[in-house]
């Protein structure tokens, strides 16, 4: 199925230009490259007040989210077992240790 056509007011058809120094141009190009987007998209996002995140930060966050998701799956399985009157007290402690370890990683990742 093809992508739906944009309405006329949604099309980016109006070009904008500005002057920059060579250093500014290089900085913009580098920032856009780190984010994995074109310089024009980088400038558009920044001009509109959006945060532009570098790919490395995204992949680190993706790894943490993946690990947290894995722990969540384990918690869900244990919760179902408890509801079926199974005793898995020791596993809850292990999950707690894993969550504390993950939280420490997140805290270390966000420390300035």
Protein backbone atom coordinates (compact mmCIF):
# COMPACT_ATOMS: atom_id res chain seq x y z
CA UNK A 1 0.00 0.00 0.00
CA UNK A 2 1.37 3.40 -0.97
CA UNK A 3 1.91 6.19 1.50
CA UNK A 4 -1.06 8.61 1.65
CA UNK A 5 -0.61 11.89 -0.22
CA UNK A 6 -0.02 14.95 1.94
CA UNK A 7 -2.43 17.84 1.93
CA UNK A 8 -1.11 21.01 0.31
CA UNK A 9 -0.59 22.71 3.70
CA UNK A 10 1.47 19.69 4.92
CA UNK A 11 3.99 19.76 2.06
CA UNK A 12 7.41 21.24 2.75
CA UNK A 13 7.70 23.23 -0.44
CA UNK A 14 9.01 26.59 0.78
CA UNK A 15 12.80 26.78 0.84
CA UNK A 16 14.61 28.79 3.50
CA UNK A 17 18.19 29.97 3.39
CA UNK A 18 20.60 31.54 5.84
CA UNK A 19 24.29 32.28 5.98
CA UNK A 20 26.69 30.46 8.28
CA UNK A 21 30.41 30.39 8.86
CA UNK A 22 32.38 27.35 7.76
CA UNK A 23 32.70 26.31 11.41
CA UNK A 24 28.94 26.66 11.98
CA UNK A 25 28.19 24.67 8.85
CA UNK A 26 30.56 21.90 9.96
CA UNK A 27 29.02 21.87 13.43
CA UNK A 28 25.50 21.53 11.99
CA UNK A 29 26.61 18.80 9.60
CA UNK A 30 28.33 16.89 12.43
CA UNK A 31 25.35 17.17 14.78
CA UNK A 32 22.99 15.99 12.04
CA UNK A 33 25.28 13.08 11.19
CA UNK A 34 25.45 12.03 14.85
CA UNK A 35 21.64 12.05 14.96
CA UNK A 36 21.42 10.10 11.70
CA UNK A 37 19.44 12.79 9.87
CA UNK A 38 20.07 15.30 7.10
CA UNK A 39 21.31 18.78 8.05
CA UNK A 40 18.06 20.34 6.84
CA UNK A 41 16.03 18.04 9.11
CA UNK A 42 18.38 18.82 12.01
CA UNK A 43 17.92 22.57 11.49
CA UNK A 44 14.13 22.22 11.12
CA UNK A 45 13.83 20.26 14.37
CA UNK A 46 16.08 22.63 16.30
CA UNK A 47 14.30 25.72 14.92
CA UNK A 48 10.95 24.28 15.98
CA UNK A 49 12.25 23.59 19.49
CA UNK A 50 12.58 19.81 19.29
CA UNK A 51 15.41 18.00 21.02
CA UNK A 52 17.70 16.15 18.63
CA UNK A 53 19.29 13.09 20.22
CA UNK A 54 22.49 11.47 18.95
CA UNK A 55 22.19 7.88 17.70
CA UNK A 56 24.63 6.65 20.36
CA UNK A 57 22.31 7.92 23.08
CA UNK A 58 19.36 6.29 21.37
CA UNK A 59 21.07 2.92 21.12
CA UNK A 60 22.20 3.05 24.76
CA UNK A 61 18.66 3.89 25.79
CA UNK A 62 17.33 1.14 23.52
CA UNK A 63 19.61 -1.38 25.23
CA UNK A 64 18.35 -0.29 28.66
CA UNK A 65 14.73 -0.45 27.51
CA UNK A 66 15.33 -3.93 26.10
CA UNK A 67 16.84 -5.10 29.37
CA UNK A 68 14.01 -3.55 31.36
CA UNK A 69 11.49 -5.23 29.05
CA UNK A 70 13.13 -8.61 29.66
CA UNK A 71 12.85 -8.08 33.42
CA UNK A 72 9.23 -7.01 32.99
CA UNK A 73 8.45 -10.24 31.17
CA UNK A 74 9.93 -12.20 34.09
CA UNK A 75 7.89 -10.17 36.59
CA UNK A 76 4.74 -10.85 34.58
CA UNK A 77 5.43 -14.59 34.51
CA UNK A 78 6.07 -14.64 38.26
CA UNK A 79 2.92 -12.64 38.95
CA UNK A 80 0.87 -15.17 36.99
CA UNK A 81 2.48 -17.99 38.97
CA UNK A 82 1.63 -16.28 42.26
CA UNK A 83 -1.98 -15.89 41.15
CA UNK A 84 -2.02 -19.66 40.56
CA UNK A 85 -0.85 -20.16 44.16
CA UNK A 86 2.73 -21.03 43.25
CA UNK A 87 5.41 -19.89 45.68
CA UNK A 88 8.29 -18.12 43.96
CA UNK A 89 9.51 -15.84 46.75
CA UNK A 90 13.22 -16.36 45.94
CA UNK A 91 12.70 -15.30 42.31
CA UNK A 92 11.16 -12.01 43.40
CA UNK A 93 14.41 -11.26 45.24
CA UNK A 94 16.44 -12.04 42.11
CA UNK A 95 14.21 -9.74 40.07
CA UNK A 96 14.70 -7.03 42.69
CA UNK A 97 18.48 -7.39 42.40
CA UNK A 98 18.26 -7.17 38.59
CA UNK A 99 16.06 -4.07 38.79
CA UNK A 100 18.46 -2.39 41.23
CA UNK A 101 21.38 -3.17 38.92
CA UNK A 102 19.50 -1.73 35.94
CA UNK A 103 18.53 1.39 37.88
CA UNK A 104 22.18 1.89 38.82
CA UNK A 105 23.11 1.68 35.11
CA UNK A 106 20.43 4.25 34.23
CA UNK A 107 21.60 6.56 37.01
CA UNK A 108 25.24 6.24 35.90
CA UNK A 109 24.22 6.91 32.29
CA UNK A 110 22.45 10.14 33.25
CA UNK A 111 25.06 11.53 35.67
CA UNK A 112 26.76 14.66 34.30
